[in-house]
Amino acid sequence: MHRNQFSPATFVKLISVLVLAAPRFVALTSGPIAVAAESVWLNASQGARTMAFAISSTSFQNGGDIPKKFSCDSADVSPELSWTEPPAGTQSFALIADDPDAPAGSWTHWVLFDLQPATKNLPEGVSKIDELPDGARQGRNDFHKIGYNGPCPPPGKPHRYFFKLYALDRKLDLKPATSKQEVEQAMQGHILGKAEWTGKYQR
């Protein structure tokens, strides 16, 4: 027998190892581990492992109940939002908050764009003005107002509220009071990354 060939016994052992390892391989490529793996991307040019662009809030848990403070039933102030390092080449951020469960279809609660690329968070209670001190501009929501207006659903089942942050490769340079549809159209072809945080509210 050539010394580089497997003996029958060695071959059987190899097959046994592969069969035993297969379920573990499947487990590693599905379920929570696979979901977690999707949140990590590899920068092939630098060989660096970097966490994906993500947004979070200290005001409420992701998927949890939004406190009344941030709704039309109370102070109606915007929640705190923070995010991680954006993708390389980011020149601005845009934020859209909406409710896809509204009776009339998706209802826009907040439109904010041209946030500086160095920005890492929005404090609670962003002023409801056309242009913020850092140059960011706010659009018109479906309450026909500038800035943030929070959950205000009809009585019944909980509604979901999505806070979507977009990292863009340029500033949009749109006028204040721009609609969500106009911002989404201007963003086409310029989105480098998207991060999302959700909450629920019921009356």
Protein backbone atom coordinates (compact mmCIF):
# COMPACT_ATOMS: atom_id res chain seq x y z
CA MET A 1 0.00 0.00 0.00
CA HIS A 2 1.26 3.48 -0.81
CA ARG A 3 2.10 5.29 2.43
CA ASN A 4 0.04 8.40 1.43
CA GLN A 5 -3.18 6.39 1.17
CA PHE A 6 -5.64 5.86 4.02
CA SER A 7 -5.92 2.38 5.48
CA PRO A 8 -9.48 0.98 5.64
CA ALA A 9 -9.52 1.43 9.42
CA THR A 10 -8.41 5.06 9.16
CA PHE A 11 -11.03 5.73 6.49
CA VAL A 12 -13.80 4.32 8.69
CA LYS A 13 -12.66 6.49 11.61
CA LEU A 14 -12.68 9.60 9.38
CA ILE A 15 -16.22 8.91 8.17
CA SER A 16 -17.36 8.40 11.78
CA VAL A 17 -15.92 11.75 12.86
CA LEU A 18 -17.65 13.57 9.99
CA VAL A 19 -21.00 11.95 10.77
CA LEU A 20 -20.74 12.86 14.45
CA ALA A 21 -19.69 16.43 13.65
CA ALA A 22 -22.48 17.10 11.13
CA PRO A 23 -25.25 17.90 13.67
CA ARG A 24 -22.95 20.31 15.46
CA PHE A 25 -22.13 22.05 12.20
CA VAL A 26 -25.85 22.44 11.43
CA ALA A 27 -26.49 23.83 14.91
CA LEU A 28 -23.73 26.38 14.46
CA THR A 29 -25.11 27.57 11.15
CA SER A 30 -28.69 28.05 12.30
CA GLY A 31 -30.67 29.50 15.15
CA PRO A 32 -29.36 32.18 17.53
CA ILE A 33 -25.69 31.66 16.62
CA ALA A 34 -26.42 32.24 12.95
CA VAL A 35 -28.47 35.33 13.81
CA ALA A 36 -25.64 36.66 15.93
CA ALA A 37 -23.17 35.91 13.15
CA GLU A 38 -25.18 38.09 10.79
CA SER A 39 -24.53 41.08 13.06
CA VAL A 40 -20.76 40.80 12.51
CA TRP A 41 -19.05 41.61 9.22
CA LEU A 42 -15.48 41.10 8.17
CA ASN A 43 -13.46 43.97 6.78
CA ALA A 44 -11.50 41.90 4.27
CA SER A 45 -9.10 44.70 3.36
CA GLN A 46 -7.88 45.08 6.96
CA GLY A 47 -8.71 41.64 8.32
CA ALA A 48 -10.53 43.32 11.21
CA ARG A 49 -13.67 41.99 12.85
CA THR A 50 -16.15 44.82 13.46
CA MET A 51 -19.62 44.93 14.97
CA ALA A 52 -22.39 45.93 12.59
CA PHE A 53 -24.00 49.37 12.64
CA ALA A 54 -26.62 49.32 15.42
CA ILE A 55 -28.96 51.69 17.28
CA SER A 56 -30.25 51.49 20.86
CA SER A 57 -32.22 53.51 23.39
CA THR A 58 -32.17 53.98 27.15
CA SER A 59 -35.81 55.12 26.99
CA PHE A 60 -37.30 51.68 26.29
CA GLN A 61 -36.16 48.16 25.45
CA ASN A 62 -36.05 46.94 21.87
CA GLY A 63 -39.46 45.39 21.21
CA GLY A 64 -40.73 46.61 24.59
CA ASP A 65 -43.41 49.05 25.67
CA ILE A 66 -42.84 52.74 25.01
CA PRO A 67 -43.45 54.78 28.19
CA LYS A 68 -46.37 57.21 28.11
CA LYS A 69 -43.91 60.10 28.43
CA PHE A 70 -42.98 59.66 24.78
CA SER A 71 -46.60 59.57 23.54
CA CYS A 72 -49.41 62.03 22.86
CA ASP A 73 -50.92 61.00 26.21
CA SER A 74 -48.19 62.85 28.13
CA ALA A 75 -45.18 65.10 27.41
CA ASP A 76 -44.83 63.76 23.84
CA VAL A 77 -41.05 64.16 23.82
CA SER A 78 -38.70 62.14 21.64
CA PRO A 79 -36.80 59.21 23.22
CA GLU A 80 -33.04 59.02 23.65
CA LEU A 81 -31.28 57.22 20.80
CA SER A 82 -27.62 56.18 20.48
CA TRP A 83 -25.74 54.27 17.80
CA THR A 84 -22.46 52.55 17.10
CA GLU A 85 -19.71 53.51 14.66
CA PRO A 86 -21.25 53.81 11.17
CA PRO A 87 -19.91 52.24 7.97
CA ALA A 88 -16.83 53.80 6.40
CA GLY A 89 -17.66 56.70 4.11
CA THR A 90 -20.72 57.88 6.05
CA GLN A 91 -21.36 61.58 5.39
CA SER A 92 -24.70 62.01 7.16
CA PHE A 93 -27.53 60.22 8.96
CA ALA A 94 -31.28 60.23 8.42
CA LEU A 95 -33.87 59.03 10.92
CA ILE A 96 -37.45 57.97 10.22
CA ALA A 97 -39.91 56.82 12.88
CA ASP A 98 -43.22 55.37 11.80
CA ASP A 99 -46.12 53.11 12.76
CA PRO A 100 -47.00 50.45 10.15
CA ASP A 101 -50.08 49.38 12.14
CA ALA A 102 -52.02 52.65 11.79
CA PRO A 103 -55.58 52.25 10.41
CA ALA A 104 -54.80 54.45 7.40
CA GLY A 105 -51.53 52.67 6.62
CA SER A 106 -48.00 53.53 7.72
CA TRP A 107 -48.06 56.69 9.85
CA THR A 108 -44.98 58.91 10.06
CA HIS A 109 -44.01 60.19 13.51
CA TRP A 110 -40.59 61.69 12.90
CA VAL A 111 -38.35 62.66 9.98
CA LEU A 112 -34.84 63.91 10.68
CA PHE A 113 -31.96 64.19 8.18
CA ASP A 114 -28.52 65.67 7.53
CA LEU A 115 -27.24 64.68 10.96
CA GLN A 116 -23.46 65.16 11.08
CA PRO A 117 -21.41 61.95 10.57
CA ALA A 118 -19.69 62.47 13.94
CA THR A 119 -23.05 62.37 15.75
CA LYS A 120 -23.44 59.32 18.01
CA ASN A 121 -26.72 60.02 19.80
CA LEU A 122 -29.86 62.10 20.07
CA PRO A 123 -30.82 63.24 23.58
CA GLU A 124 -34.31 62.89 24.94
CA GLY A 125 -36.62 65.71 23.92
CA VAL A 126 -35.17 66.95 20.63
CA SER A 127 -36.55 70.42 19.90
CA LYS A 128 -39.43 70.55 17.43
CA ILE A 129 -37.83 73.10 15.14
CA ASP A 130 -36.96 73.17 11.44
CA GLU A 131 -33.19 73.13 11.88
CA LEU A 132 -31.18 71.96 14.89
CA PRO A 133 -28.04 73.78 16.10
CA ASP A 134 -25.75 71.23 14.41
CA GLY A 135 -27.42 71.79 11.02
CA ALA A 136 -29.65 68.72 11.02
CA ARG A 137 -33.11 69.35 9.60
CA GLN A 138 -36.49 67.95 10.54
CA GLY A 139 -39.25 66.99 8.19
CA ARG A 140 -43.01 67.12 8.52
CA ASN A 141 -44.73 64.15 10.12
CA ASP A 142 -48.24 62.85 9.42
CA PHE A 143 -49.64 65.07 12.19
CA HIS A 144 -48.62 67.92 9.83
CA LYS A 145 -46.06 69.10 12.38
CA ILE A 146 -42.29 69.55 12.42
CA GLY A 147 -40.18 67.15 14.44
CA TYR A 148 -41.28 64.32 16.70
CA ASN A 149 -44.81 63.42 17.69
CA GLY A 150 -45.12 60.13 19.53
CA PRO A 151 -47.53 57.19 19.60
CA CYS A 152 -51.17 58.18 19.52
CA PRO A 153 -53.03 55.07 18.33
CA PRO A 154 -56.78 54.42 18.63
CA PRO A 155 -57.85 52.18 21.52
CA GLY A 156 -57.26 48.51 20.83
CA LYS A 157 -54.32 46.28 20.11
CA PRO A 158 -50.73 47.54 20.52
CA HIS A 159 -49.10 49.30 17.61
CA ARG A 160 -45.45 48.88 16.64
CA TYR A 161 -43.15 51.87 16.26
CA PHE A 162 -39.96 51.62 14.20
CA PHE A 163 -37.04 54.02 14.68
CA LYS A 164 -34.91 53.55 11.56
CA LEU A 165 -31.50 55.17 11.27
CA TYR A 166 -29.76 55.34 7.89
CA ALA A 167 -26.05 55.95 7.30
CA LEU A 168 -25.67 57.79 3.99
CA ASP A 169 -22.76 58.53 1.69
CA ARG A 170 -23.83 62.16 1.28
CA LYS A 171 -25.96 64.92 2.79
CA LEU A 172 -29.46 65.14 1.39
CA ASP A 173 -29.61 68.96 1.40
CA LEU A 174 -33.41 68.92 1.42
CA LYS A 175 -35.48 71.76 2.85
CA PRO A 176 -37.01 71.50 6.32
CA ALA A 177 -40.60 70.18 6.46
CA THR A 178 -39.76 67.58 3.79
CA SER A 179 -41.98 64.48 3.85
CA LYS A 180 -40.84 60.93 4.60
CA GLN A 181 -41.50 59.95 0.99
CA GLU A 182 -39.24 62.72 -0.33
CA VAL A 183 -36.45 61.74 2.09
CA GLU A 184 -36.73 58.06 1.15
CA GLN A 185 -36.55 58.97 -2.53
CA ALA A 186 -33.47 61.16 -1.99
CA MET A 187 -31.74 58.35 -0.05
CA GLN A 188 -32.05 55.81 -2.86
CA GLY A 189 -28.62 54.61 -3.96
CA HIS A 190 -26.88 56.35 -1.03
CA ILE A 191 -27.57 54.05 1.94
CA LEU A 192 -24.41 52.54 3.44
CA GLY A 193 -26.11 50.99 6.45
CA LYS A 194 -29.39 50.79 8.33
CA ALA A 195 -30.08 50.24 12.04
CA GLU A 196 -33.48 49.79 13.67
CA TRP A 197 -35.06 49.95 17.16
CA THR A 198 -38.71 49.12 17.83
CA GLY A 199 -41.24 49.71 20.57
CA LYS A 200 -44.91 49.08 21.25
CA TYR A 201 -47.70 51.31 22.54
CA GLN A 202 -51.32 50.60 23.40
CA ARG A 203 -54.23 52.77 24.55
